[in-house]
Amino acid sequence: MKIPTMAMLTFLLLIASEAVAATDAWHRYMSTAVEASQRRDYTKAETLLSLAVKEADKSKNKVWTVITLNQLGLLYQDQDEYEKAALFFKRALALSEQALGPSHPQVAECLIHCAAISRTKGQKDQAAAFNRRAGLCLDRCAAIERSKGHKEEASKLELRAEELRRHQALLEKRAS
C-alpha cells in the first residue's frame, strides 16, 4: 500500500517537531540543572536531571543519557554521596561502551569519572585500573583521528592520555 505524499510529509514533520521539542527540553533541563547545581540547589538540580534523563531516553539519544547520568554522578559527588555517584558513573560507562564502542572520547570521560570516585572511596587499585583503561581508550581515539587526517584532534587526545598517565604515576608515587 502506497502512502500519499502529503500524508508522508505530515508524518515526517510530526516526527521532526517531536525531535526538536525533545532536544529543546533536554537542553533546557540540563542548562537549568547545571545552574542550580552551581548555586548548590541540589534538590532542584536532581529533579531537573531526572527530567533530562527521561527526555534523553524518550529521544533514544544514548549520548544525552550518558551525559545526563555523568552529571547526576557529579551532583552526588559534590554532595559527598559517593556510593550514589559511583552508581551513576558506572551506568554511564556501561551505556557509553554499549552505544559508542570502546574507542570514543565519551567512554574515556566515563572511565575518568569512575577512576576519580573510586579513588575518593579509597579504592586505589580500581581507580588505577579505570585510569589505565581511559588512557588506552584515548590512545585508540587518537589513532582513529590520526587515520582520518585530524592531526590536531589526535594530538589533543594523545596529550590528554599522557596527562592522565602522569597524574596516575604521581598518585602511585605518593602512595608508596
Protein backbone atom coordinates (compact mmCIF):
# COMPACT_ATOMS: atom_id res chain seq x y z
CA MET A 1 0.00 0.00 0.00
CA LYS A 2 1.39 3.34 -1.04
CA ILE A 3 1.11 6.25 1.41
CA PRO A 4 0.12 9.53 -0.22
CA THR A 5 2.93 12.08 -0.38
CA MET A 6 1.11 14.73 1.73
CA ALA A 7 0.37 12.20 4.47
CA MET A 8 4.00 11.08 4.48
CA LEU A 9 5.20 14.68 4.64
CA THR A 10 2.85 15.42 7.55
CA PHE A 11 4.07 12.31 9.35
CA LEU A 12 7.74 13.27 8.86
CA LEU A 13 7.08 16.83 10.05
CA LEU A 14 5.37 15.48 13.16
CA ILE A 15 8.35 13.25 13.95
CA ALA A 16 10.77 16.12 13.30
CA SER A 17 8.82 18.52 15.53
CA GLU A 18 8.78 15.93 18.35
CA ALA A 19 12.55 15.50 17.99
CA VAL A 20 13.09 19.27 18.14
CA ALA A 21 10.84 19.53 21.20
CA ALA A 22 12.79 16.74 22.93
CA THR A 23 16.07 18.46 22.04
CA ASP A 24 14.86 21.79 23.42
CA ALA A 25 13.52 20.18 26.59
CA TRP A 26 16.72 18.19 27.26
CA HIS A 27 18.94 21.23 26.72
CA ARG A 28 16.68 23.39 28.91
CA TYR A 29 16.68 20.80 31.72
CA MET A 30 20.45 20.32 31.52
CA SER A 31 21.38 24.01 31.49
CA THR A 32 18.96 24.83 34.31
CA ALA A 33 20.22 21.83 36.32
CA VAL A 34 23.84 22.96 35.95
CA GLU A 35 22.88 26.46 37.09
CA ALA A 36 21.00 25.04 40.10
CA SER A 37 23.96 22.83 40.96
CA GLN A 38 26.33 25.80 40.81
CA ARG A 39 24.03 27.62 43.26
CA ARG A 40 24.14 24.46 45.43
CA ASP A 41 20.39 23.97 44.95
CA TYR A 42 20.92 20.24 44.74
CA THR A 43 17.26 19.26 45.12
CA LYS A 44 16.26 21.34 42.09
CA ALA A 45 19.28 20.11 40.11
CA GLU A 46 18.42 16.48 40.87
CA THR A 47 14.80 16.98 39.78
CA LEU A 48 15.86 18.66 36.54
CA LEU A 49 18.46 16.00 35.78
CA SER A 50 15.87 13.28 36.35
CA LEU A 51 13.63 15.02 33.81
CA ALA A 52 16.60 15.32 31.43
CA VAL A 53 17.20 11.55 31.69
CA LYS A 54 13.54 10.94 30.77
CA GLU A 55 13.83 13.27 27.76
CA ALA A 56 17.06 11.60 26.66
CA ASP A 57 15.53 8.15 27.00
CA LYS A 58 12.41 9.26 25.14
CA SER A 59 14.54 10.62 22.30
CA LYS A 60 16.61 7.40 22.22
CA ASN A 61 19.74 9.58 22.21
CA LYS A 62 22.22 7.46 24.17
CA VAL A 63 24.86 10.21 24.27
CA TRP A 64 22.40 12.55 26.01
CA THR A 65 21.61 9.81 28.50
CA VAL A 66 25.33 9.22 29.17
CA ILE A 67 25.96 12.95 29.64
CA THR A 68 23.00 13.26 32.00
CA LEU A 69 24.00 10.21 34.05
CA ASN A 70 27.51 11.64 34.38
CA GLN A 71 26.03 14.95 35.51
CA LEU A 72 23.96 13.14 38.14
CA GLY A 73 27.14 11.39 39.31
CA LEU A 74 28.90 14.74 39.60
CA LEU A 75 25.93 16.17 41.51
CA TYR A 76 26.10 13.37 44.08
CA GLN A 77 29.90 13.60 44.23
CA ASP A 78 29.57 17.31 45.09
CA GLN A 79 27.31 16.30 47.98
CA ASP A 80 29.77 13.62 49.20
CA GLU A 81 27.26 10.89 48.31
CA TYR A 82 29.96 8.71 46.77
CA GLU A 83 28.01 5.45 46.53
CA LYS A 84 25.23 7.14 44.55
CA ALA A 85 27.79 8.95 42.40
CA ALA A 86 29.58 5.67 41.64
CA LEU A 87 26.32 4.04 40.55
CA PHE A 88 25.57 6.82 38.06
CA PHE A 89 29.13 6.91 36.73
CA LYS A 90 29.11 3.14 36.21
CA ARG A 91 25.70 3.26 34.48
CA ALA A 92 27.04 5.99 32.19
CA LEU A 93 30.14 3.91 31.46
CA ALA A 94 28.16 0.77 30.61
CA LEU A 95 25.77 2.68 28.35
CA SER A 96 28.56 4.62 26.63
CA GLU A 97 30.53 1.44 25.89
CA GLN A 98 27.39 -0.25 24.57
CA ALA A 99 26.25 2.70 22.44
CA LEU A 100 29.58 4.17 21.32
CA GLY A 101 32.04 1.27 21.47
CA PRO A 102 35.35 1.11 23.33
CA SER A 103 37.08 3.84 21.32
CA HIS A 104 35.14 7.03 21.94
CA PRO A 105 36.13 10.12 23.96
CA GLN A 106 32.86 9.96 25.92
CA VAL A 107 33.82 6.45 27.09
CA ALA A 108 37.18 7.83 28.27
CA GLU A 109 35.39 10.58 30.22
CA CYS A 110 33.18 7.98 31.90
CA LEU A 111 36.26 5.94 32.83
CA ILE A 112 37.92 9.05 34.27
CA HIS A 113 34.83 9.77 36.41
CA CYS A 114 34.82 6.16 37.62
CA ALA A 115 38.53 6.44 38.48
CA ALA A 116 38.00 9.66 40.44
CA ILE A 117 35.12 8.31 42.51
CA SER A 118 36.95 5.03 43.14
CA ARG A 119 39.97 6.98 44.38
CA THR A 120 37.74 9.13 46.61
CA LYS A 121 36.25 5.94 48.09
CA GLY A 122 39.77 4.65 48.81
CA GLN A 123 39.69 2.02 46.06
CA LYS A 124 43.13 2.85 44.66
CA ASP A 125 43.62 -0.32 42.62
CA GLN A 126 40.23 0.06 40.97
CA ALA A 127 40.93 3.75 40.30
CA ALA A 128 44.27 2.86 38.68
CA ALA A 129 42.56 0.24 36.50
CA PHE A 130 39.94 2.78 35.33
CA ASN A 131 42.70 5.30 34.58
CA ARG A 132 44.66 2.74 32.54
CA ARG A 133 41.54 1.88 30.55
CA ALA A 134 40.86 5.59 29.99
CA GLY A 135 44.42 6.12 28.72
CA LEU A 136 44.13 3.19 26.32
CA CYS A 137 40.74 4.45 25.14
CA LEU A 138 42.20 7.90 24.47
CA ASP A 139 45.11 6.29 22.59
CA ARG A 140 42.64 4.40 20.37
CA CYS A 141 40.61 7.59 19.82
CA ALA A 142 43.79 9.46 18.85
CA ALA A 143 44.77 6.72 16.39
CA ILE A 144 41.33 6.87 14.78
CA GLU A 145 41.50 10.66 14.47
CA ARG A 146 45.04 10.49 13.07
CA SER A 147 43.94 7.90 10.47
CA LYS A 148 41.21 10.33 9.36
CA GLY A 149 43.81 13.07 8.93
CA HIS A 150 42.61 15.00 12.00
CA LYS A 151 46.07 15.62 13.41
CA GLU A 152 45.10 18.44 15.78
CA GLU A 153 42.32 16.41 17.42
CA ALA A 154 44.62 13.37 17.62
CA SER A 155 47.29 15.46 19.34
CA LYS A 156 44.76 16.74 21.91
CA LEU A 157 43.67 13.19 22.69
CA GLU A 158 47.28 11.99 22.97
CA LEU A 159 48.07 14.89 25.30
CA ARG A 160 45.05 14.05 27.48
CA ALA A 161 46.17 10.39 27.65
CA GLU A 162 49.70 11.45 28.63
CA GLU A 163 48.38 13.84 31.31
CA LEU A 164 46.29 11.01 32.70
CA ARG A 165 49.30 8.69 32.84
CA ARG A 166 51.43 11.34 34.57
CA HIS A 167 48.66 12.00 37.08
CA GLN A 168 48.32 8.28 37.81
CA ALA A 169 52.10 7.90 38.21
CA LEU A 170 52.12 10.83 40.65
CA LEU A 171 49.33 9.25 42.69
CA GLU A 172 51.17 5.93 42.80
CA LYS A 173 54.43 7.66 43.81
CA ARG A 174 52.66 9.44 46.68
CA ALA A 175 51.09 6.18 47.83
CA SER A 176 54.45 4.38 48.10
